[in-house]
Amino acid sequence: MTIDTRKTPAERRADARREAVVNNVTKLAANLALLPVQAWILMLALGAVHSVVAPVAAVGYGTSLLFILGFDVLSDLMKKFRK
């Protein structure tokens, strides 16, 4: 007795969709997990530059978090319209 392991095109598309959803959810979870770290590093970097160059504003954690979110949104928009 042989087992037929071939898949129909519909099954392949469903598998590809499932894999894409898993990849997107994993990417979203990683981005959300790294967001506080990125904001903290940006806050520290801007604070260090502020101590050397006075016109650069020293920002708090909330502002740096909003900067990171804004940069992410802008980069996604640029990717969307580039295609």
N, C-alpha and C. Protein backbone atom coordinates (compact mmCIF):
# COMPACT_ATOMS: atom_id res chain seq x y z
N MET A 1 0.84 -1.17 0.00
CA MET A 1 0.00 0.00 0.00
C MET A 1 0.89 1.25 0.00
N THR A 2 0.65 2.19 -0.91
CA THR A 2 1.43 3.43 -0.98
C THR A 2 0.55 4.60 -0.55
N ILE A 3 1.21 5.54 0.07
CA ILE A 3 0.50 6.74 0.52
C ILE A 3 0.82 7.87 -0.44
N ASP A 4 -0.21 8.48 -0.97
CA ASP A 4 -0.03 9.58 -1.91
C ASP A 4 0.15 10.88 -1.12
N THR A 5 1.34 11.48 -1.21
CA THR A 5 1.63 12.68 -0.44
C THR A 5 1.54 13.95 -1.29
N ARG A 6 1.11 13.82 -2.53
CA ARG A 6 0.98 15.00 -3.38
C ARG A 6 -0.18 15.86 -2.90
N LYS A 7 -0.01 17.14 -3.06
CA LYS A 7 -1.05 18.07 -2.63
C LYS A 7 -1.64 18.77 -3.84
N THR A 8 -2.89 19.12 -3.70
CA THR A 8 -3.56 19.86 -4.76
C THR A 8 -3.12 21.32 -4.68
N PRO A 9 -3.31 22.09 -5.74
CA PRO A 9 -2.94 23.51 -5.69
C PRO A 9 -3.67 24.26 -4.57
N ALA A 10 -4.92 23.90 -4.31
CA ALA A 10 -5.66 24.56 -3.24
C ALA A 10 -5.03 24.26 -1.88
N GLU A 11 -4.58 23.04 -1.68
CA GLU A 11 -3.92 22.68 -0.42
C GLU A 11 -2.59 23.42 -0.27
N ARG A 12 -1.87 23.56 -1.38
CA ARG A 12 -0.59 24.30 -1.34
C ARG A 12 -0.83 25.77 -1.01
N ARG A 13 -1.89 26.37 -1.61
CA ARG A 13 -2.21 27.76 -1.30
C ARG A 13 -2.60 27.92 0.16
N ALA A 14 -3.38 26.99 0.68
CA ALA A 14 -3.79 27.05 2.09
C ALA A 14 -2.57 26.93 3.01
N ASP A 15 -1.66 26.03 2.66
CA ASP A 15 -0.44 25.89 3.46
C ASP A 15 0.40 27.16 3.41
N ALA A 16 0.49 27.77 2.22
CA ALA A 16 1.26 29.00 2.08
C ALA A 16 0.62 30.13 2.88
N ARG A 17 -0.71 30.21 2.87
CA ARG A 17 -1.41 31.22 3.67
C ARG A 17 -1.15 31.02 5.16
N ARG A 18 -1.25 29.77 5.60
CA ARG A 18 -1.01 29.46 7.01
C ARG A 18 0.41 29.84 7.41
N GLU A 19 1.36 29.51 6.57
CA GLU A 19 2.76 29.84 6.86
C GLU A 19 2.98 31.35 6.89
N ALA A 20 2.32 32.08 5.99
CA ALA A 20 2.45 33.54 5.96
C ALA A 20 1.87 34.15 7.24
N VAL A 21 0.74 33.63 7.70
CA VAL A 21 0.14 34.15 8.94
C VAL A 21 1.06 33.90 10.12
N VAL A 22 1.62 32.70 10.20
CA VAL A 22 2.53 32.38 11.31
C VAL A 22 3.76 33.29 11.26
N ASN A 23 4.30 33.51 10.07
CA ASN A 23 5.47 34.39 9.94
C ASN A 23 5.13 35.82 10.35
N ASN A 24 3.96 36.32 9.93
CA ASN A 24 3.58 37.69 10.28
C ASN A 24 3.33 37.85 11.77
N VAL A 25 2.71 36.87 12.39
CA VAL A 25 2.46 36.95 13.83
C VAL A 25 3.78 36.89 14.60
N THR A 26 4.70 36.05 14.16
CA THR A 26 6.01 35.97 14.80
C THR A 26 6.77 37.28 14.67
N LYS A 27 6.72 37.88 13.47
CA LYS A 27 7.40 39.15 13.25
C LYS A 27 6.78 40.26 14.11
N LEU A 28 5.46 40.29 14.21
CA LEU A 28 4.79 41.28 15.04
C LEU A 28 5.16 41.12 16.51
N ALA A 29 5.19 39.88 16.99
CA ALA A 29 5.54 39.63 18.39
C ALA A 29 6.98 40.06 18.67
N ALA A 30 7.88 39.80 17.74
CA ALA A 30 9.28 40.20 17.93
C ALA A 30 9.41 41.72 17.93
N ASN A 31 8.69 42.38 17.02
CA ASN A 31 8.75 43.84 16.97
C ASN A 31 8.18 44.46 18.24
N LEU A 32 7.09 43.91 18.75
CA LEU A 32 6.51 44.43 19.98
C LEU A 32 7.42 44.18 21.19
N ALA A 33 8.10 43.05 21.19
CA ALA A 33 9.00 42.74 22.29
C ALA A 33 10.23 43.64 22.28
N LEU A 34 10.70 44.03 21.09
CA LEU A 34 11.90 44.86 20.99
C LEU A 34 11.61 46.36 21.05
N LEU A 35 10.36 46.74 20.97
CA LEU A 35 10.00 48.16 20.96
C LEU A 35 10.49 48.91 22.20
N PRO A 36 10.29 48.41 23.41
CA PRO A 36 10.80 49.15 24.59
C PRO A 36 12.32 49.29 24.59
N VAL A 37 13.01 48.28 24.13
CA VAL A 37 14.47 48.34 24.09
C VAL A 37 14.94 49.39 23.09
N GLN A 38 14.31 49.42 21.92
CA GLN A 38 14.67 50.41 20.92
C GLN A 38 14.41 51.82 21.42
N ALA A 39 13.28 52.03 22.09
CA ALA A 39 12.95 53.35 22.61
C ALA A 39 13.93 53.77 23.70
N TRP A 40 14.32 52.84 24.55
CA TRP A 40 15.27 53.15 25.62
C TRP A 40 16.63 53.54 25.04
N ILE A 41 17.08 52.79 24.02
CA ILE A 41 18.37 53.10 23.40
C ILE A 41 18.32 54.45 22.70
N LEU A 42 17.21 54.76 22.02
CA LEU A 42 17.07 56.07 21.38
C LEU A 42 17.09 57.19 22.42
N MET A 43 16.41 56.98 23.54
CA MET A 43 16.39 57.98 24.61
C MET A 43 17.80 58.22 25.14
N LEU A 44 18.54 57.14 25.36
CA LEU A 44 19.92 57.28 25.85
C LEU A 44 20.81 57.97 24.82
N ALA A 45 20.65 57.62 23.56
CA ALA A 45 21.47 58.22 22.50
C ALA A 45 21.19 59.72 22.38
N LEU A 46 19.91 60.10 22.38
CA LEU A 46 19.59 61.52 22.28
C LEU A 46 20.04 62.28 23.53
N GLY A 47 19.98 61.64 24.68
CA GLY A 47 20.49 62.28 25.90
C GLY A 47 22.00 62.50 25.83
N ALA A 48 22.71 61.54 25.27
CA ALA A 48 24.17 61.69 25.13
C ALA A 48 24.51 62.79 24.15
N VAL A 49 23.78 62.85 23.03
CA VAL A 49 24.04 63.91 22.05
C VAL A 49 23.66 65.26 22.65
N HIS A 50 22.60 65.31 23.44
CA HIS A 50 22.16 66.56 24.08
C HIS A 50 23.22 67.08 25.04
N SER A 51 23.93 66.19 25.70
CA SER A 51 24.96 66.65 26.63
C SER A 51 26.16 67.27 25.90
N VAL A 52 26.33 66.95 24.63
CA VAL A 52 27.44 67.51 23.85
C VAL A 52 26.98 68.69 23.01
N VAL A 53 25.82 68.58 22.39
CA VAL A 53 25.31 69.62 21.50
C VAL A 53 23.97 70.09 22.07
N ALA A 54 23.94 71.30 22.60
CA ALA A 54 22.76 71.79 23.32
C ALA A 54 21.49 71.90 22.46
N PRO A 55 21.56 72.26 21.17
CA PRO A 55 20.31 72.39 20.40
C PRO A 55 19.55 71.07 20.20
N VAL A 56 20.20 69.95 20.40
CA VAL A 56 19.50 68.66 20.28
C VAL A 56 18.69 68.46 21.54
N ALA A 57 17.39 68.19 21.37
CA ALA A 57 16.50 68.05 22.52
C ALA A 57 16.73 66.72 23.22
N ALA A 58 16.70 66.76 24.54
CA ALA A 58 16.71 65.53 25.33
C ALA A 58 15.26 65.10 25.48
N VAL A 59 14.95 63.88 25.09
CA VAL A 59 13.56 63.42 25.13
C VAL A 59 13.42 62.33 26.18
N GLY A 60 12.21 62.16 26.64
CA GLY A 60 11.92 61.12 27.61
C GLY A 60 11.58 59.81 26.93
N TYR A 61 11.23 58.84 27.76
CA TYR A 61 10.94 57.50 27.25
C TYR A 61 9.69 57.50 26.36
N GLY A 62 8.64 58.19 26.79
CA GLY A 62 7.40 58.21 26.01
C GLY A 62 7.59 58.84 24.64
N THR A 63 8.33 59.94 24.59
CA THR A 63 8.59 60.60 23.32
C THR A 63 9.43 59.72 22.40
N SER A 64 10.43 59.07 22.96
CA SER A 64 11.25 58.20 22.12
C SER A 64 10.44 56.99 21.63
N LEU A 65 9.51 56.52 22.45
CA LEU A 65 8.63 55.44 22.03
C LEU A 65 7.77 55.88 20.85
N LEU A 66 7.24 57.10 20.91
CA LEU A 66 6.44 57.63 19.81
C LEU A 66 7.30 57.85 18.55
N PHE A 67 8.55 58.27 18.74
CA PHE A 67 9.46 58.41 17.59
C PHE A 67 9.65 57.06 16.90
N ILE A 68 9.89 56.03 17.67
CA ILE A 68 10.11 54.69 17.10
C ILE A 68 8.87 54.23 16.36
N LEU A 69 7.69 54.41 16.97
CA LEU A 69 6.45 54.02 16.30
C LEU A 69 6.25 54.82 15.02
N GLY A 70 6.54 56.10 15.06
CA GLY A 70 6.42 56.94 13.86
C GLY A 70 7.37 56.50 12.76
N PHE A 71 8.60 56.19 13.12
CA PHE A 71 9.56 55.70 12.12
C PHE A 71 9.10 54.39 11.51
N ASP A 72 8.54 53.51 12.32
CA ASP A 72 8.04 52.23 11.82
C ASP A 72 6.88 52.43 10.85
N VAL A 73 5.97 53.32 11.19
CA VAL A 73 4.83 53.59 10.30
C VAL A 73 5.32 54.19 8.99
N LEU A 74 6.24 55.15 9.07
CA LEU A 74 6.76 55.77 7.85
C LEU A 74 7.50 54.76 6.98
N SER A 75 8.28 53.88 7.58
CA SER A 75 9.01 52.90 6.79
C SER A 75 8.05 51.91 6.12
N ASP A 76 6.96 51.54 6.83
CA ASP A 76 5.97 50.65 6.22
C ASP A 76 5.27 51.34 5.05
N LEU A 77 4.95 52.63 5.20
CA LEU A 77 4.32 53.36 4.11
C LEU A 77 5.26 53.48 2.90
N MET A 78 6.53 53.73 3.18
CA MET A 78 7.49 53.83 2.08
C MET A 78 7.62 52.50 1.35
N LYS A 79 7.64 51.40 2.08
CA LYS A 79 7.70 50.08 1.45
C LYS A 79 6.45 49.81 0.62
N LYS A 80 5.30 50.23 1.15
CA LYS A 80 4.03 49.98 0.46
C LYS A 80 3.98 50.73 -0.87
N PHE A 81 4.38 52.00 -0.87
CA PHE A 81 4.29 52.79 -2.08
C PHE A 81 5.47 52.62 -3.02
N ARG A 82 6.53 51.99 -2.56
CA ARG A 82 7.68 51.73 -3.41
C ARG A 82 7.38 50.63 -4.42
N LYS A 83 6.52 49.70 -4.02
CA LYS A 83 6.23 48.56 -4.89
C LYS A 83 5.34 48.93 -6.04
